[in-house]
Amino acid sequence: MSALLLARNCHLFLPSRNAFFAPAALYANYLYRMSKIKTAFFCSNCGYESAKWSGKCPACDQWNTFIEEVIDRGDKQERRDYADVKRIPATIALSEVEQGDERRIVTKDAELNRVLGGGIVFGSLVLVAGEPGIGKSTLFLQQGLLLEGLTVLYISGEESEQQIRMRADRLNISNERFFLLTETSTPAIFKEIKKLKPDVVIVDSIQTLQSGIIDSSAGTVSQIRECAAEFQRYAKETNTPVFLIGHITKDGSIAGPKILEHMVDTVLQFEGDRHYAYRILRTLKNRFGSTSEMGIYEMTATGMRVVSNPSEILVAQREDHLSGSAIAAAMEGMRPLLIEVQALVTQSVYGTPQRTVSGFDLRRLQLLLAVLEKRGGFHFGVKDVFVNIAGGLKIEDPSLDLAVICALLSSYEDVPLPQRVCFAGEVGLNGEIRAVNRVEQRISEAEKMGFEKIIVSKYNKKGFAGEAKGIQVVSLGQVQEAYQYFFS
């Protein structure tokens, strides 16, 4: 009897022409496949992975950010080999590594070369982020068309070929080796890449791509991480530079997991006010150069125009004989900039004084006002204070302190500062004017722009050799000395 039952039970899993047993076989196969599916919970804010759902992320302390995503469907996917010759891993002593500079592609855009540290490095992975409509697609479509002699592949998951062609016609740049691919599936993308073998790849955008390995929708944490990992392997194995254009969230951070910024070699932030014509390409991370560089562009009807002399533009619209305006000699990376600082001090009518800033740190302004209250005896506690950096720029250089102080005092006393005077100095809590770095470059830029005097810290005397020929360098030690120099 037991042998008969065993034979009948085994018969359920054997091929049979009887339709009665077919649903049972299909159900068993379905259960087998379903057991291979693996899911995990990811934090949509920082990308932290957890085996179970949690109300609060232990990594970034954000609430209700965990999302369940499928990470493995059970199907074994073969790993794509991008390079024709496989590199065999082997240990090597540090002293045996051959020295040499990174190979770079020097583009026609001097500002892009600046922020990348001298050009596009072969095999690098560059992430470019910015607000919607700021001009990311326009900028890198223009950069791809300008790369003459190289095969460039522009992958778009957001626009059609006709839309990209219309933008290219506005740019009025032709390149016969520039190719388009409108696709979001990474298997199809790498199939075309293998046939074309481009020299440069531009992806617009990484949030629209979808890998076949991950069974979740495009734009999720796992999809962004996996798609970026595939392009990272491709860039390193084939020595091909890849640009990934990404979105940002409402708080200004790059959309997707935080690990995305760690995976890439360079992170560029494309920023600016859409009400202004100027755009800033700022370096946030760079494994091949400085992390404090900045490139300035002007948005025109024919694309992005490089601004080679931003100091002349930033101080050109300054009105004569008005109080509350001062020129600061700032540094952004290796580039000196002359920036107009505007301040307005008025009597507070609502009882609670207002502190409003644009392009400047609000906490830094409160610190400078406290210094003027304590060390100078000025009653800013009953005044409304407004500070603006002209041109829509956002500058974090502490050398703006002295210019902000003098602009505040100028508006407070309603006495305009001299026209051909600029400032470069950091202000401490005791009211002292502290030294700043690269003072020679600041003095040279001010002299080139036709300024007659530059106010610096007396401790900067050791930072430059001798006096400049076409400009007078005035050294001060305290904020009180600056007030007596201009307003007494």
Protein backbone atom coordinates (compact mmCIF):
# COMPACT_ATOMS: atom_id res chain seq x y z
CA MET A 1 0.00 0.00 0.00
CA SER A 2 2.80 2.46 0.94
CA ALA A 3 4.62 1.76 -2.33
CA LEU A 4 1.43 2.49 -4.25
CA LEU A 5 0.92 5.81 -2.43
CA LEU A 6 4.54 6.75 -3.02
CA ALA A 7 4.17 6.01 -6.70
CA ARG A 8 1.01 8.10 -6.89
CA ASN A 9 2.67 11.01 -5.05
CA CYS A 10 5.71 10.88 -7.28
CA HIS A 11 3.43 10.84 -10.27
CA LEU A 12 2.37 14.40 -9.47
CA PHE A 13 5.85 15.69 -10.33
CA LEU A 14 6.31 13.60 -13.48
CA PRO A 15 5.21 14.72 -16.96
CA SER A 16 1.75 13.42 -17.68
CA ARG A 17 -0.84 13.78 -20.38
CA ASN A 18 -3.58 13.96 -17.76
CA ALA A 19 -4.71 17.59 -17.38
CA PHE A 20 -5.78 16.90 -13.80
CA PHE A 21 -2.19 16.96 -12.56
CA ALA A 22 -1.03 20.03 -14.63
CA PRO A 23 -2.21 22.74 -12.17
CA ALA A 24 -0.41 21.04 -9.29
CA ALA A 25 2.87 20.95 -11.23
CA LEU A 26 2.56 24.61 -12.22
CA TYR A 27 1.76 25.64 -8.64
CA ALA A 28 4.81 23.78 -7.31
CA ASN A 29 7.03 25.48 -9.91
CA TYR A 30 5.52 28.87 -8.98
CA LEU A 31 6.24 28.34 -5.28
CA TYR A 32 9.81 27.35 -6.13
CA ARG A 33 10.38 30.52 -8.13
CA MET A 34 8.70 32.76 -5.57
CA SER A 35 10.94 31.51 -2.81
CA LYS A 36 13.98 32.93 -4.66
CA ILE A 37 12.72 36.54 -4.65
CA LYS A 38 14.54 38.69 -2.12
CA THR A 39 13.42 42.07 -0.85
CA ALA A 40 14.94 44.66 1.45
CA PHE A 41 14.03 48.04 2.89
CA PHE A 42 15.96 51.13 1.83
CA CYS A 43 15.96 54.63 3.30
CA SER A 44 14.89 57.04 0.57
CA ASN A 45 16.91 59.81 2.21
CA CYS A 46 20.35 58.25 2.70
CA GLY A 47 20.12 54.78 1.09
CA TYR A 48 20.56 52.78 4.33
CA GLU A 49 19.59 49.11 3.81
CA SER A 50 17.64 47.12 6.39
CA ALA A 51 16.17 43.62 6.44
CA LYS A 52 12.92 44.85 8.00
CA TRP A 53 10.87 48.02 8.07
CA SER A 54 11.61 50.61 10.72
CA GLY A 55 9.92 53.88 11.53
CA LYS A 56 13.19 55.78 12.03
CA CYS A 57 16.35 55.41 9.97
CA PRO A 58 19.32 54.68 12.27
CA ALA A 59 21.74 56.34 9.84
CA CYS A 60 20.14 59.74 9.15
CA ASP A 61 17.47 59.84 11.92
CA GLN A 62 14.66 60.53 9.44
CA TRP A 63 11.15 59.17 10.03
CA ASN A 64 9.00 57.11 7.63
CA THR A 65 11.62 56.95 4.88
CA PHE A 66 11.96 53.15 4.47
CA ILE A 67 10.67 51.69 1.20
CA GLU A 68 10.54 48.01 0.33
CA GLU A 69 12.23 47.08 -2.94
CA VAL A 70 12.98 43.84 -4.76
CA ILE A 71 16.74 43.29 -4.88
CA ASP A 72 16.87 39.78 -6.39
CA ARG A 73 14.28 38.05 -8.58
CA GLY A 74 16.01 34.70 -8.40
CA ASP A 75 17.13 34.78 -12.01
CA LYS A 76 20.88 34.45 -12.38
CA GLN A 77 22.11 37.30 -14.52
CA GLU A 78 25.44 37.01 -16.22
CA ARG A 79 27.79 39.84 -15.45
CA ARG A 80 28.61 41.94 -18.50
CA ASP A 81 32.25 42.14 -19.55
CA TYR A 82 32.90 45.59 -20.99
CA ALA A 83 36.59 45.30 -21.74
CA ASP A 84 38.03 43.08 -24.48
CA VAL A 85 41.07 42.24 -22.34
CA LYS A 86 40.36 41.20 -18.77
CA ARG A 87 42.61 42.58 -16.09
CA ILE A 88 44.03 39.90 -13.82
CA PRO A 89 44.14 41.16 -10.21
CA ALA A 90 47.53 40.91 -8.53
CA THR A 91 49.16 42.55 -5.54
CA ILE A 92 51.98 45.01 -6.18
CA ALA A 93 54.28 47.03 -3.97
CA LEU A 94 53.67 50.77 -3.83
CA SER A 95 57.25 51.50 -4.85
CA GLU A 96 56.77 49.46 -8.06
CA VAL A 97 53.81 51.52 -9.27
CA GLU A 98 54.74 53.58 -12.31
CA GLN A 99 54.42 57.31 -11.80
CA GLY A 100 52.65 59.45 -14.33
CA ASP A 101 50.00 62.11 -14.76
CA GLU A 102 46.41 61.20 -15.54
CA ARG A 103 45.52 61.28 -19.21
CA ARG A 104 43.03 64.05 -19.82
CA ILE A 105 40.83 65.33 -22.61
CA VAL A 106 41.27 69.10 -22.79
CA THR A 107 37.99 70.58 -24.01
CA LYS A 108 37.34 73.94 -25.66
CA ASP A 109 35.52 75.07 -22.51
CA ALA A 110 38.06 76.64 -20.15
CA GLU A 111 35.54 76.71 -17.28
CA LEU A 112 34.83 72.97 -17.51
CA ASN A 113 38.55 72.26 -17.62
CA ARG A 114 38.97 74.39 -14.51
CA VAL A 115 36.34 72.63 -12.38
CA LEU A 116 37.55 69.19 -13.49
CA GLY A 117 41.13 69.99 -12.52
CA GLY A 118 42.60 70.41 -16.01
CA GLY A 119 40.33 68.38 -18.30
CA ILE A 120 38.32 65.16 -18.53
CA VAL A 121 40.21 62.22 -17.03
CA PHE A 122 40.00 58.93 -18.95
CA GLY A 123 37.97 56.35 -17.06
CA SER A 124 36.44 58.90 -14.69
CA LEU A 125 32.82 58.91 -13.52
CA VAL A 126 31.42 62.44 -13.10
CA LEU A 127 28.08 63.25 -11.45
CA VAL A 128 26.46 66.58 -12.37
CA ALA A 129 23.47 67.74 -10.32
CA GLY A 130 21.25 70.80 -10.45
CA GLU A 131 17.71 72.13 -10.22
CA PRO A 132 15.17 71.46 -12.99
CA GLY A 133 15.49 73.95 -15.83
CA ILE A 134 18.85 75.34 -14.67
CA GLY A 135 20.53 74.24 -17.92
CA LYS A 136 22.26 70.91 -17.19
CA SER A 137 21.11 69.23 -20.41
CA THR A 138 21.93 72.30 -22.49
CA LEU A 139 25.42 72.60 -21.02
CA PHE A 140 26.46 68.99 -21.58
CA LEU A 141 24.79 68.71 -24.97
CA GLN A 142 26.92 71.71 -25.89
CA GLN A 143 30.02 70.10 -24.34
CA GLY A 144 29.43 66.87 -26.27
CA LEU A 145 29.04 68.71 -29.57
CA LEU A 146 32.27 70.64 -28.93
CA LEU A 147 34.33 67.45 -28.49
CA GLU A 148 35.58 67.25 -32.07
CA GLY A 149 37.52 64.18 -33.12
CA LEU A 150 35.91 61.98 -30.42
CA THR A 151 32.92 59.67 -30.65
CA VAL A 152 30.36 60.95 -28.14
CA LEU A 153 27.23 59.05 -27.12
CA TYR A 154 24.44 61.10 -25.52
CA ILE A 155 21.93 58.85 -23.73
CA SER A 156 18.62 60.52 -22.88
CA GLY A 157 15.83 58.97 -20.85
CA GLU A 158 13.80 62.16 -20.59
CA GLU A 159 13.64 63.63 -24.11
CA SER A 160 13.07 62.37 -27.63
CA GLU A 161 15.46 62.67 -30.54
CA GLN A 162 13.41 65.53 -31.99
CA GLN A 163 13.63 67.55 -28.77
CA ILE A 164 17.39 67.10 -28.56
CA ARG A 165 17.76 68.03 -32.24
CA MET A 166 15.80 71.26 -31.66
CA ARG A 167 18.13 72.20 -28.80
CA ALA A 168 21.19 71.34 -30.91
CA ASP A 169 19.90 73.58 -33.72
CA ARG A 170 19.67 76.48 -31.24
CA LEU A 171 23.26 75.85 -30.19
CA ASN A 172 24.30 75.97 -33.88
CA ILE A 173 27.10 73.42 -33.40
CA SER A 174 27.60 70.47 -35.74
CA ASN A 175 29.50 67.28 -34.99
CA GLU A 176 29.30 64.21 -37.24
CA ARG A 177 30.60 61.90 -34.48
CA PHE A 178 27.91 62.86 -31.97
CA PHE A 179 25.30 60.10 -31.53
CA LEU A 180 21.96 59.98 -29.69
CA LEU A 181 20.27 57.11 -27.87
CA THR A 182 16.88 57.51 -26.21
CA GLU A 183 16.65 54.46 -23.95
CA THR A 184 16.17 53.74 -20.25
CA SER A 185 16.99 50.03 -20.07
CA THR A 186 20.65 49.45 -19.21
CA PRO A 187 20.91 46.07 -21.05
CA ALA A 188 19.81 47.78 -24.27
CA ILE A 189 22.11 50.74 -23.58
CA PHE A 190 25.21 48.62 -23.10
CA LYS A 191 24.35 46.59 -26.19
CA GLU A 192 24.50 49.81 -28.23
CA ILE A 193 27.63 50.95 -26.39
CA LYS A 194 29.36 47.68 -27.29
CA LYS A 195 28.59 48.25 -30.97
CA LEU A 196 29.47 51.97 -31.07
CA LYS A 197 32.48 51.96 -28.65
CA PRO A 198 32.25 55.70 -27.83
CA ASP A 199 35.06 57.81 -26.41
CA VAL A 200 32.77 59.79 -24.07
CA VAL A 201 29.35 58.85 -22.65
CA ILE A 202 26.80 61.36 -21.31
CA VAL A 203 23.74 60.01 -19.44
CA ASP A 204 20.73 62.28 -18.93
CA SER A 205 19.64 61.37 -16.35
CA ILE A 206 20.66 58.58 -13.96
CA GLN A 207 17.24 58.71 -12.24
CA THR A 208 15.47 57.58 -15.42
CA LEU A 209 17.52 54.41 -16.03
CA GLN A 210 16.35 50.93 -15.09
CA SER A 211 18.55 47.87 -14.67
CA GLY A 212 17.30 44.37 -15.53
CA ILE A 213 18.89 42.96 -12.39
CA ILE A 214 16.69 44.96 -10.01
CA ASP A 215 12.93 44.44 -10.20
CA SER A 216 11.87 47.90 -9.04
CA SER A 217 10.81 51.06 -10.84
CA ALA A 218 13.23 53.67 -12.17
CA GLY A 219 14.36 56.33 -9.73
CA THR A 220 14.29 54.14 -6.63
CA VAL A 221 17.28 53.84 -4.34
CA SER A 222 18.28 50.36 -5.50
CA GLN A 223 17.87 51.21 -9.20
CA ILE A 224 20.01 54.35 -8.98
CA ARG A 225 22.70 52.48 -7.07
CA GLU A 226 22.77 49.52 -9.46
CA CYS A 227 22.71 51.65 -12.64
CA ALA A 228 25.53 53.83 -11.32
CA ALA A 229 27.51 50.70 -10.39
CA GLU A 230 27.14 49.35 -13.94
CA PHE A 231 28.44 52.59 -15.46
CA GLN A 232 31.24 52.65 -12.89
CA ARG A 233 32.38 49.17 -13.95
CA TYR A 234 32.13 50.18 -17.60
CA ALA A 235 34.16 53.38 -17.09
CA LYS A 236 36.95 51.66 -15.16
CA GLU A 237 37.21 48.57 -17.38
CA THR A 238 37.15 50.44 -20.71
CA ASN A 239 38.89 53.65 -19.57
CA THR A 240 35.97 55.68 -20.94
CA PRO A 241 34.85 58.90 -19.19
CA VAL A 242 31.15 58.91 -18.23
CA PHE A 243 29.04 61.92 -17.21
CA LEU A 244 25.92 61.18 -15.14
CA ILE A 245 23.39 64.01 -14.95
CA GLY A 246 21.26 63.81 -11.80
CA HIS A 247 18.38 65.55 -10.11
CA ILE A 248 18.30 67.25 -6.73
CA THR A 249 15.65 67.20 -4.00
CA LYS A 250 13.71 70.17 -2.66
CA ASP A 251 16.27 70.73 0.09
CA GLY A 252 19.10 71.02 -2.47
CA SER A 253 20.76 67.61 -1.96
CA ILE A 254 21.39 65.15 -4.80
CA ALA A 255 18.47 62.76 -5.31
CA GLY A 256 19.16 59.10 -4.62
CA PRO A 257 21.30 57.29 -2.07
CA LYS A 258 24.24 59.07 -0.49
CA ILE A 259 26.47 56.23 -1.68
CA LEU A 260 26.02 57.59 -5.21
CA GLU A 261 28.30 60.53 -4.36
CA HIS A 262 30.90 58.12 -2.92
CA MET A 263 30.88 55.90 -6.02
CA VAL A 264 31.70 58.64 -8.53
CA ASP A 265 35.07 60.35 -8.95
CA THR A 266 33.79 63.92 -9.30
CA VAL A 267 30.63 65.69 -8.15
CA LEU A 268 29.68 68.95 -9.85
CA GLN A 269 26.84 71.22 -8.71
CA PHE A 270 25.23 73.39 -11.38
CA GLU A 271 23.48 76.24 -9.60
CA GLY A 272 22.17 79.74 -10.06
CA ASP A 273 19.03 81.79 -9.88
CA ARG A 274 16.78 81.35 -12.88
CA HIS A 275 15.94 85.06 -12.66
CA TYR A 276 19.60 85.83 -13.40
CA ALA A 277 21.46 84.97 -16.58
CA TYR A 278 24.53 83.64 -14.78
CA ARG A 279 25.10 79.99 -13.85
CA ILE A 280 27.80 78.56 -11.60
CA LEU A 281 29.38 75.13 -12.03
CA ARG A 282 30.87 74.32 -8.63
CA THR A 283 33.09 71.37 -7.67
CA LEU A 284 31.94 69.49 -4.55
CA LYS A 285 34.22 66.45 -4.90
CA ASN A 286 37.15 65.75 -7.19
CA ARG A 287 39.64 62.89 -6.95
CA PHE A 288 41.76 64.44 -9.69
CA GLY A 289 41.92 68.08 -8.64
CA SER A 290 40.83 70.83 -6.27
CA THR A 291 37.41 70.73 -4.61
CA SER A 292 36.97 74.50 -4.41
CA GLU A 293 36.92 75.45 -8.09
CA MET A 294 34.10 77.32 -9.79
CA GLY A 295 33.13 78.01 -13.40
CA ILE A 296 30.79 80.83 -14.43
CA TYR A 297 28.50 80.75 -17.48
CA GLU A 298 25.93 83.08 -18.95
CA MET A 299 22.70 81.62 -20.30
CA THR A 300 22.02 82.96 -23.79
CA ALA A 301 19.69 82.05 -26.64
CA THR A 302 22.51 80.10 -28.30
CA GLY A 303 23.61 78.12 -25.23
CA MET A 304 25.99 78.65 -22.35
CA ARG A 305 28.59 81.37 -22.86
CA VAL A 306 31.81 81.19 -20.86
CA VAL A 307 32.37 84.22 -18.61
CA SER A 308 36.13 84.68 -18.73
CA ASN A 309 36.25 87.85 -16.58
CA PRO A 310 33.45 87.64 -13.98
CA SER A 311 34.87 90.49 -11.84
CA GLU A 312 34.15 93.04 -14.56
CA ILE A 313 30.53 91.91 -14.84
CA LEU A 314 29.89 91.67 -11.09
CA VAL A 315 30.99 95.26 -10.39
CA ALA A 316 29.90 96.90 -13.67
CA GLN A 317 26.37 97.80 -12.49
CA ARG A 318 27.48 99.58 -9.33
CA GLU A 319 25.88 103.00 -8.83
CA ASP A 320 28.06 105.93 -7.82
CA HIS A 321 27.75 107.81 -4.51
CA LEU A 322 25.30 105.48 -2.76
CA SER A 323 25.84 104.26 0.79
CA GLY A 324 25.82 100.62 1.83
CA SER A 325 27.94 99.26 -1.04
CA ALA A 326 31.44 97.76 -0.77
CA ILE A 327 33.63 95.67 -3.06
CA ALA A 328 35.17 92.47 -1.68
CA ALA A 329 38.19 90.71 -3.16
CA ALA A 330 37.18 87.05 -2.69
CA MET A 331 38.67 83.75 -3.81
CA GLU A 332 36.83 80.78 -5.29
CA GLY A 333 39.37 78.01 -5.58
CA MET A 334 42.32 79.46 -7.52
CA ARG A 335 40.24 82.25 -9.06
CA PRO A 336 40.07 85.77 -7.56
CA LEU A 337 36.71 87.54 -7.81
CA LEU A 338 35.68 91.11 -7.11
CA ILE A 339 32.15 91.03 -5.70
CA GLU A 340 29.80 93.84 -4.73
CA VAL A 341 28.37 93.54 -1.20
CA GLN A 342 25.19 95.55 -0.58
CA ALA A 343 23.83 96.40 2.87
CA LEU A 344 20.75 98.28 4.05
CA VAL A 345 20.25 99.35 7.66
CA THR A 346 16.88 100.89 8.59
CA GLN A 347 14.95 101.63 11.75
CA SER A 348 12.85 98.66 12.91
CA VAL A 349 9.13 99.51 13.02
CA TYR A 350 7.75 96.16 14.15
CA GLY A 351 9.66 95.82 17.42
CA THR A 352 11.56 92.70 16.34
CA PRO A 353 14.53 93.55 14.08
CA GLN A 354 14.76 91.66 10.81
CA ARG A 355 17.90 89.95 9.53
CA THR A 356 17.64 89.07 5.83
CA VAL A 357 20.50 87.85 3.65
CA SER A 358 20.92 86.75 0.03
CA GLY A 359 24.09 84.90 -0.95
CA PHE A 360 25.63 85.27 2.52
CA ASP A 361 25.47 83.15 5.68
CA LEU A 362 22.83 84.46 8.10
CA ARG A 363 24.67 83.19 11.16
CA ARG A 364 27.83 84.92 9.97
CA LEU A 365 25.90 88.18 9.65
CA GLN A 366 24.58 87.85 13.21
CA LEU A 367 28.14 87.30 14.43
CA LEU A 368 29.40 90.44 12.67
CA LEU A 369 26.52 92.50 14.06
CA ALA A 370 27.38 91.27 17.56
CA VAL A 371 30.99 92.37 17.03
CA LEU A 372 29.84 95.84 15.97
CA GLU A 373 27.54 96.03 19.01
CA LYS A 374 30.14 94.91 21.53
CA ARG A 375 33.38 96.34 20.14
CA GLY A 376 32.12 99.40 18.29
CA GLY A 377 29.12 100.50 20.34
CA PHE A 378 26.75 100.62 17.35
CA HIS A 379 23.10 99.94 18.18
CA PHE A 380 22.12 97.45 15.50
CA GLY A 381 19.72 95.74 17.94
CA VAL A 382 16.98 98.22 17.01
CA LYS A 383 17.72 98.19 13.28
CA ASP A 384 16.53 96.05 10.38
CA VAL A 385 19.53 94.71 8.47
CA PHE A 386 19.52 93.42 4.88
CA VAL A 387 22.63 92.07 3.12
CA ASN A 388 22.85 91.01 -0.52
CA ILE A 389 25.65 89.63 -2.71
CA ALA A 390 25.09 91.19 -6.12
CA GLY A 391 24.67 88.93 -9.16
CA GLY A 392 22.92 86.07 -7.36
CA LEU A 393 26.20 84.52 -6.16
CA LYS A 394 26.64 82.47 -2.99
CA ILE A 395 30.09 83.00 -1.51
CA GLU A 396 31.47 81.31 1.60
CA ASP A 397 34.90 82.96 1.63
CA PRO A 398 35.50 84.49 5.12
CA SER A 399 37.38 87.38 3.49
CA LEU A 400 33.98 88.97 2.79
CA ASP A 401 33.70 89.91 6.49
CA LEU A 402 35.52 93.23 6.21
CA ALA A 403 33.48 94.28 3.14
CA VAL A 404 30.23 93.37 4.93
CA ILE A 405 31.31 95.33 8.04
CA CYS A 406 32.17 98.43 5.99
CA ALA A 407 28.95 98.18 3.94
CA LEU A 408 26.93 97.98 7.18
CA LEU A 409 28.73 100.99 8.65
CA SER A 410 28.28 102.90 5.40
CA SER A 411 24.52 102.33 5.45
CA TYR A 412 24.35 102.99 9.20
CA GLU A 413 26.08 106.37 8.83
CA ASP A 414 24.53 106.97 5.37
CA VAL A 415 27.96 107.86 4.03
CA PRO A 416 29.12 106.26 0.75
CA LEU A 417 32.50 104.57 0.57
CA PRO A 418 35.10 105.69 -1.98
CA GLN A 419 34.55 104.20 -5.42
CA ARG A 420 37.98 102.71 -6.10
CA VAL A 421 38.46 100.88 -2.80
CA CYS A 422 38.04 97.14 -2.15
CA PHE A 423 38.38 94.95 0.94
CA ALA A 424 39.90 91.58 1.83
CA GLY A 425 39.89 90.55 5.48
CA GLU A 426 38.30 88.23 8.00
CA VAL A 427 36.85 89.71 11.20
CA GLY A 428 37.30 87.93 14.53
CA LEU A 429 35.14 88.04 17.66
CA ASN A 430 37.41 90.60 19.29
CA GLY A 431 37.02 92.96 16.35
CA GLU A 432 40.44 92.22 14.91
CA ILE A 433 40.98 92.04 11.17
CA ARG A 434 42.57 88.68 10.47
CA ALA A 435 44.80 87.69 7.57
CA VAL A 436 43.44 85.86 4.50
CA ASN A 437 45.15 83.49 2.08
CA ARG A 438 46.37 84.25 -1.46
CA VAL A 439 46.47 87.98 -0.78
CA GLU A 440 48.82 88.61 -3.73
CA GLN A 441 46.28 87.25 -6.20
CA ARG A 442 43.54 89.42 -4.67
CA ILE A 443 45.73 92.51 -4.93
CA SER A 444 46.62 91.68 -8.53
CA GLU A 445 42.95 91.26 -9.50
CA ALA A 446 42.01 94.57 -7.85
CA GLU A 447 44.88 96.32 -9.62
CA LYS A 448 43.84 94.84 -12.96
CA MET A 449 40.29 96.13 -12.47
CA GLY A 450 41.52 99.66 -11.86
CA PHE A 451 41.09 99.97 -8.08
CA GLU A 452 43.27 102.50 -6.30
CA LYS A 453 43.26 101.03 -2.77
CA ILE A 454 42.76 97.65 -1.14
CA ILE A 455 42.20 97.28 2.62
CA VAL A 456 43.83 94.15 4.11
CA SER A 457 44.91 92.93 7.52
CA LYS A 458 48.19 94.15 8.94
CA TYR A 459 49.05 90.50 9.52
CA ASN A 460 49.06 89.99 5.75
CA LYS A 461 52.29 91.95 5.41
CA LYS A 462 54.17 88.67 5.52
CA GLY A 463 51.94 87.22 2.81
CA PHE A 464 53.11 89.41 -0.06
CA ALA A 465 56.48 90.80 -1.02
CA GLY A 466 56.68 94.56 -1.29
CA GLU A 467 54.09 97.06 -2.46
CA ALA A 468 52.03 96.73 -5.61
CA LYS A 469 52.90 99.22 -8.34
CA GLY A 470 49.45 100.39 -9.44
CA ILE A 471 47.47 100.08 -6.21
CA GLN A 472 47.91 101.26 -2.63
CA VAL A 473 47.76 98.51 0.00
CA VAL A 474 46.34 99.78 3.32
CA SER A 475 46.92 97.54 6.36
CA LEU A 476 44.54 97.77 9.33
CA GLY A 477 44.34 95.74 12.53
CA GLN A 478 40.94 96.54 14.10
CA VAL A 479 37.38 97.30 12.95
CA GLN A 480 37.62 100.63 14.85
CA GLU A 481 40.55 101.61 12.62
CA ALA A 482 38.45 100.94 9.51
CA TYR A 483 35.66 103.12 10.90
CA GLN A 484 38.07 105.97 11.66
CA TYR A 485 39.72 105.61 8.24
CA PHE A 486 36.45 106.05 6.28
CA PHE A 487 33.89 107.79 8.49
CA SER A 488 35.68 110.03 10.98
